Amino acid sequence: MIRFKSLGSGSSGNATVVQARGAAGLTHLLVDCGLGIRELDKRLGAAGMMADQIDAIFITHEHGDHIGSARQLALRERIPVYMSEGTYAAIGQPDFGGLLRLACDGCTFDVGDLQVRPFTVPHDAREPLQLTCTDGDVRFGILTDLGHITSHVAQELSGCATLLLECNHDEEMLQASTYPPFLKRRVGGAYGHLANSAAASLAQGLLAAGRLRQVIAAHLSEQNNKPELARGALEAALGNAAEVHVADGPSGSGWLSA
C-alpha cells in the first residue's frame, strides 16, 4: 500500500512524502526538500511524522525550491540522498558524509518496500530527474518542473495509477502577467514549466492507455494560475474516470492513497 502527502508545492518550496507499508514495515521516501529545516520539521509534525522516520531523500534537481535543506536534513538524521551526477555538480559537490547516492535515468533502486525508477525530463537544470515508485501492487508517479512532454516521459509514466502532476500556469494568465518577456519565454518554453493544457493532455493520454485513476495538480504558479483553472483543465480531460485534487504551496495536500 502506498500513501503520499505533499508538504508543499510551488515556488515557495517543494517536498512530498511517499509512504509504503509492506513486509519491511513502513518505508518513507522524501521527494525533494525545498523547505527550510524548521519549516520542514513543522510540516512533518503536522503530517504525524518525525524527520528520523525518513528512510531516503530523492532530489529531482538543483533549484532552491527543490533542494532547500536536503543536505542539512541528511547530515542531521543520517539519511541517504539520491540525486543525479549533474545535480550534484550543479550544487558544487558538497560533502554528504558518505550519504550521497548517484541516480540516473532508468536505473531503479530500492528503499525498503519501494522500488524507485528515475527518468530524465526537459527542464533548465543540469541533469533533472523525475520518478515513479511502486510497492509491487500500484505505481505512483511524480512529474514536476519540465517544459514539455517527451515520448520518454509518457512511456515512463504508463501504468501509473496516481500522478502528482505539474500544472504550473494558465497560458493566458502568463502572457498577461507582469513578468518580463524573457521570463515569460522561460516559463512557457520547452525547458520551463507545464501549462494546464499540456498537463491535461498528458493525463488524458495516460488515462486512455493505462490505469490512471487519480491526478494531483501540483507546482501551481501563484501569479500565473489559479487552483480552479488547474482543476478545471484536468476534469475536462478526465471526466469522471479519475479523481482530481490540487496541492498548494503553503499546505500541500492531505494524505492520499495511490
Protein backbone atom coordinates (compact mmCIF):
# COMPACT_ATOMS: atom_id res chain seq x y z
CA MET A 1 0.00 0.00 0.00
CA ILE A 2 1.32 3.44 -0.95
CA ARG A 3 0.21 6.71 0.63
CA PHE A 4 1.64 10.11 -0.07
CA LYS A 5 1.37 13.71 1.10
CA SER A 6 2.63 16.89 -0.48
CA LEU A 7 4.16 19.02 2.27
CA GLY A 8 4.26 21.99 -0.07
CA SER A 9 4.20 22.52 -3.82
CA GLY A 10 5.25 25.67 -5.65
CA SER A 11 7.98 28.27 -5.84
CA SER A 12 7.94 28.65 -2.04
CA GLY A 13 9.21 25.09 -1.65
CA ASN A 14 8.50 21.54 -2.77
CA ALA A 15 8.51 18.35 -0.72
CA THR A 16 6.46 15.16 -0.93
CA VAL A 17 6.45 12.19 1.44
CA VAL A 18 5.79 8.78 -0.10
CA GLN A 19 4.92 6.03 2.36
CA ALA A 20 4.80 2.29 1.69
CA ARG A 21 3.51 -0.35 4.09
CA GLY A 22 4.86 -3.84 3.45
CA ALA A 23 7.00 -6.66 4.75
CA ALA A 24 9.65 -4.21 5.94
CA GLY A 25 7.06 -2.22 7.92
CA LEU A 26 6.70 1.43 6.99
CA THR A 27 9.01 2.98 4.41
CA HIS A 28 9.20 6.76 3.90
CA LEU A 29 10.78 8.46 0.89
CA LEU A 30 11.04 12.25 0.83
CA VAL A 31 10.96 13.55 -2.73
CA ASP A 32 12.57 16.99 -2.77
CA CYS A 33 13.35 19.03 0.31
CA GLY A 34 12.78 22.60 -0.78
CA LEU A 35 11.83 23.95 2.64
CA GLY A 36 13.90 25.35 5.48
CA ILE A 37 14.73 22.75 8.11
CA ARG A 38 12.47 24.26 10.77
CA GLU A 39 9.54 24.56 8.37
CA LEU A 40 10.11 21.00 7.18
CA ASP A 41 10.08 19.70 10.76
CA LYS A 42 6.88 21.68 11.38
CA ARG A 43 5.11 20.28 8.34
CA LEU A 44 6.27 16.74 9.04
CA GLY A 45 4.91 17.09 12.56
CA ALA A 46 1.57 18.27 11.19
CA ALA A 47 1.56 15.16 8.99
CA GLY A 48 2.08 12.94 12.04
CA MET A 49 5.72 12.22 11.29
CA MET A 50 9.21 12.88 12.58
CA ALA A 51 12.23 13.52 10.39
CA ASP A 52 14.00 10.44 11.71
CA GLN A 53 11.31 8.28 10.08
CA ILE A 54 12.54 9.24 6.60
CA ASP A 55 14.49 6.38 5.00
CA ALA A 56 15.80 8.23 1.95
CA ILE A 57 15.68 11.60 0.19
CA PHE A 58 15.38 11.96 -3.59
CA ILE A 59 16.28 15.33 -5.13
CA THR A 60 14.89 15.99 -8.60
CA HIS A 61 17.20 18.91 -9.50
CA GLU A 62 19.29 21.71 -8.06
CA HIS A 63 16.83 24.62 -7.96
CA GLY A 64 16.44 26.07 -4.48
CA ASP A 65 12.73 25.32 -4.15
CA HIS A 66 13.58 21.62 -4.53
CA ILE A 67 16.91 21.10 -2.81
CA GLY A 68 16.44 23.54 0.10
CA SER A 69 17.60 21.94 3.36
CA ALA A 70 18.33 18.47 1.93
CA ARG A 71 21.98 18.35 2.99
CA GLN A 72 21.25 19.74 6.44
CA LEU A 73 18.49 17.18 7.00
CA ALA A 74 20.55 14.30 5.63
CA LEU A 75 23.53 15.05 7.85
CA ARG A 76 21.39 15.64 10.93
CA GLU A 77 19.43 12.41 10.60
CA ARG A 78 21.96 10.32 8.61
CA ILE A 79 19.61 9.80 5.67
CA PRO A 80 20.87 8.65 2.25
CA VAL A 81 20.33 11.23 -0.51
CA TYR A 82 19.74 10.30 -4.15
CA MET A 83 20.36 12.76 -6.98
CA SER A 84 21.87 12.79 -10.45
CA GLU A 85 25.55 13.41 -11.03
CA GLY A 86 24.60 16.60 -12.85
CA THR A 87 22.57 17.86 -9.92
CA TYR A 88 25.45 17.10 -7.56
CA ALA A 89 27.84 19.03 -9.79
CA ALA A 90 25.41 21.94 -10.05
CA ILE A 91 25.29 22.37 -6.25
CA GLY A 92 29.08 22.43 -6.02
CA GLN A 93 29.73 18.82 -4.96
CA PRO A 94 29.40 19.37 -1.20
CA ASP A 95 30.35 16.69 1.31
CA PHE A 96 27.39 14.49 2.22
CA GLY A 97 29.33 12.44 4.73
CA GLY A 98 29.06 9.21 2.78
CA LEU A 99 25.28 9.57 2.33
CA LEU A 100 25.24 10.55 -1.35
CA ARG A 101 23.82 8.02 -3.83
CA LEU A 102 24.00 8.89 -7.53
CA ALA A 103 20.84 8.25 -9.55
CA CYS A 104 20.36 8.17 -13.30
CA ASP A 105 17.72 7.69 -15.94
CA GLY A 106 16.17 4.22 -15.92
CA CYS A 107 18.31 2.87 -13.05
CA THR A 108 15.92 1.55 -10.41
CA PHE A 109 16.81 1.33 -6.74
CA ASP A 110 15.03 0.07 -3.65
CA VAL A 111 14.14 1.96 -0.49
CA GLY A 112 12.53 -0.51 1.90
CA ASP A 113 9.39 -1.78 0.17
CA LEU A 114 9.54 0.90 -2.53
CA GLN A 115 11.17 0.41 -5.90
CA VAL A 116 12.09 3.82 -7.33
CA ARG A 117 12.69 4.49 -11.02
CA PRO A 118 14.13 7.89 -12.02
CA PHE A 119 13.76 9.28 -15.54
CA THR A 120 15.04 12.34 -17.36
CA VAL A 121 12.88 15.33 -18.22
CA PRO A 122 13.40 18.51 -20.30
CA HIS A 123 13.98 21.34 -17.81
CA ASP A 124 16.52 24.14 -17.44
CA ALA A 125 18.64 22.30 -14.90
CA ARG A 126 21.91 20.32 -15.15
CA GLU A 127 20.50 16.75 -15.14
CA PRO A 128 16.92 16.82 -13.84
CA LEU A 129 15.13 13.63 -12.91
CA GLN A 130 11.55 12.81 -12.00
CA LEU A 131 10.40 9.40 -10.81
CA THR A 132 7.89 6.67 -10.42
CA CYS A 133 7.75 4.30 -7.47
CA THR A 134 5.93 1.06 -6.79
CA ASP A 135 5.37 -1.37 -3.94
CA GLY A 136 4.66 -4.16 -6.43
CA ASP A 137 0.92 -3.54 -6.45
CA VAL A 138 0.49 0.09 -7.51
CA ARG A 139 2.65 2.62 -9.36
CA PHE A 140 2.81 6.28 -8.32
CA GLY A 141 4.40 8.98 -10.46
CA ILE A 142 5.78 12.43 -9.66
CA LEU A 143 6.22 14.84 -12.57
CA THR A 144 7.01 18.50 -11.94
CA ASP A 145 9.41 21.01 -13.47
CA LEU A 146 9.52 20.24 -17.16
CA GLY A 147 8.82 22.30 -20.23
CA HIS A 148 7.18 19.71 -22.46
CA ILE A 149 6.15 16.08 -22.59
CA THR A 150 8.50 13.74 -24.44
CA SER A 151 7.72 10.21 -25.57
CA HIS A 152 10.20 9.02 -22.94
CA VAL A 153 8.31 10.82 -20.16
CA ALA A 154 4.98 9.42 -21.33
CA GLN A 155 6.40 5.91 -21.52
CA GLU A 156 7.89 6.09 -18.02
CA LEU A 157 4.52 7.17 -16.61
CA SER A 158 2.48 4.50 -18.34
CA GLY A 159 0.89 2.20 -15.80
CA CYS A 160 0.73 4.83 -13.03
CA ALA A 161 -2.48 4.71 -11.02
CA THR A 162 -1.79 8.09 -9.43
CA LEU A 163 0.19 11.05 -10.70
CA LEU A 164 1.38 14.19 -8.90
CA LEU A 165 1.49 16.41 -11.97
CA GLU A 166 2.78 19.91 -12.62
CA CYS A 167 0.07 22.36 -13.65
CA ASN A 168 2.26 25.42 -13.43
CA HIS A 169 0.46 28.09 -15.38
CA ASP A 170 -2.51 29.13 -17.40
CA GLU A 171 -1.17 30.30 -20.74
CA GLU A 172 -3.37 33.39 -20.96
CA MET A 173 -2.53 34.44 -17.40
CA LEU A 174 1.19 34.03 -18.10
CA GLN A 175 1.08 36.18 -21.21
CA ALA A 176 -0.97 38.88 -19.43
CA SER A 177 1.26 38.84 -16.35
CA THR A 178 3.79 41.46 -15.27
CA TYR A 179 6.65 39.02 -15.87
CA PRO A 180 9.30 40.48 -18.18
CA PRO A 181 9.37 38.96 -21.69
CA PHE A 182 12.45 36.81 -21.04
CA LEU A 183 10.80 35.21 -18.00
CA LYS A 184 7.58 34.55 -19.90
CA ARG A 185 9.65 32.82 -22.57
CA ARG A 186 11.50 30.77 -19.96
CA VAL A 187 8.42 29.63 -18.05
CA GLY A 188 6.40 28.89 -21.17
CA GLY A 189 9.29 27.44 -23.16
CA ALA A 190 10.36 23.90 -23.96
CA TYR A 191 12.61 23.72 -20.87
CA GLY A 192 10.41 25.66 -18.45
CA HIS A 193 7.17 24.52 -16.87
CA LEU A 194 4.00 22.73 -17.92
CA ALA A 195 0.86 24.71 -18.71
CA ASN A 196 -2.51 23.43 -17.53
CA SER A 197 -3.39 22.44 -21.07
CA ALA A 198 -0.24 20.35 -21.55
CA ALA A 199 -0.73 18.63 -18.21
CA ALA A 200 -4.35 17.85 -19.07
CA SER A 201 -3.32 16.42 -22.44
CA LEU A 202 -0.77 14.13 -20.80
CA ALA A 203 -3.29 12.96 -18.19
CA GLN A 204 -5.86 12.25 -20.87
CA GLY A 205 -3.37 10.18 -22.84
CA LEU A 206 -2.31 8.19 -19.78
CA LEU A 207 -5.94 7.57 -18.88
CA ALA A 208 -6.67 6.16 -22.33
CA ALA A 209 -3.54 4.00 -22.36
CA GLY A 210 -3.27 2.72 -18.80
CA ARG A 211 -4.56 2.57 -15.28
CA LEU A 212 -4.65 6.22 -14.26
CA ARG A 213 -7.35 6.89 -11.68
CA GLN A 214 -6.12 9.91 -9.71
CA VAL A 215 -4.24 13.13 -10.54
CA ILE A 216 -3.00 15.78 -8.13
CA ALA A 217 -2.28 19.16 -9.72
CA ALA A 218 1.00 20.49 -8.32
CA HIS A 219 3.58 23.26 -8.62
CA LEU A 220 0.95 25.91 -9.43
CA SER A 221 2.30 29.40 -10.04
CA GLU A 222 0.98 31.89 -7.51
CA GLN A 223 0.99 34.65 -10.14
CA ASN A 224 0.01 32.78 -13.30
CA ASN A 225 -2.50 30.16 -12.27
CA LYS A 226 -5.50 29.50 -10.05
CA PRO A 227 -6.48 26.20 -8.42
CA GLU A 228 -9.87 26.27 -10.13
CA LEU A 229 -8.21 26.65 -13.55
CA ALA A 230 -5.86 23.71 -12.99
CA ARG A 231 -8.67 21.56 -11.62
CA GLY A 232 -10.98 22.54 -14.46
CA ALA A 233 -8.45 21.64 -17.14
CA LEU A 234 -7.84 18.22 -15.63
CA GLU A 235 -11.51 17.49 -15.01
CA ALA A 236 -12.38 18.43 -18.58
CA ALA A 237 -9.74 16.00 -19.84
CA LEU A 238 -10.51 13.14 -17.46
CA GLY A 239 -14.27 13.40 -16.97
CA ASN A 240 -15.47 11.07 -14.23
CA ALA A 241 -12.82 8.46 -14.96
CA ALA A 242 -10.24 9.79 -12.47
CA GLU A 243 -10.22 11.84 -9.27
CA VAL A 244 -8.63 15.29 -9.33
CA HIS A 245 -7.01 17.04 -6.36
CA VAL A 246 -4.93 20.22 -6.08
CA ALA A 247 -1.81 20.69 -3.93
CA ASP A 248 -0.91 24.25 -2.92
CA GLY A 249 2.28 25.94 -1.82
CA PRO A 250 1.66 26.63 1.87
CA SER A 251 -0.15 23.41 2.82
CA GLY A 252 0.42 20.89 0.05
CA SER A 253 -2.20 18.17 0.24
CA GLY A 254 -3.71 15.79 2.73
CA TRP A 255 -2.61 12.17 2.91
CA LEU A 256 -3.85 10.37 -0.19
CA SER A 257 -3.69 6.71 -1.22
CA ALA A 258 -2.07 5.89 -4.54
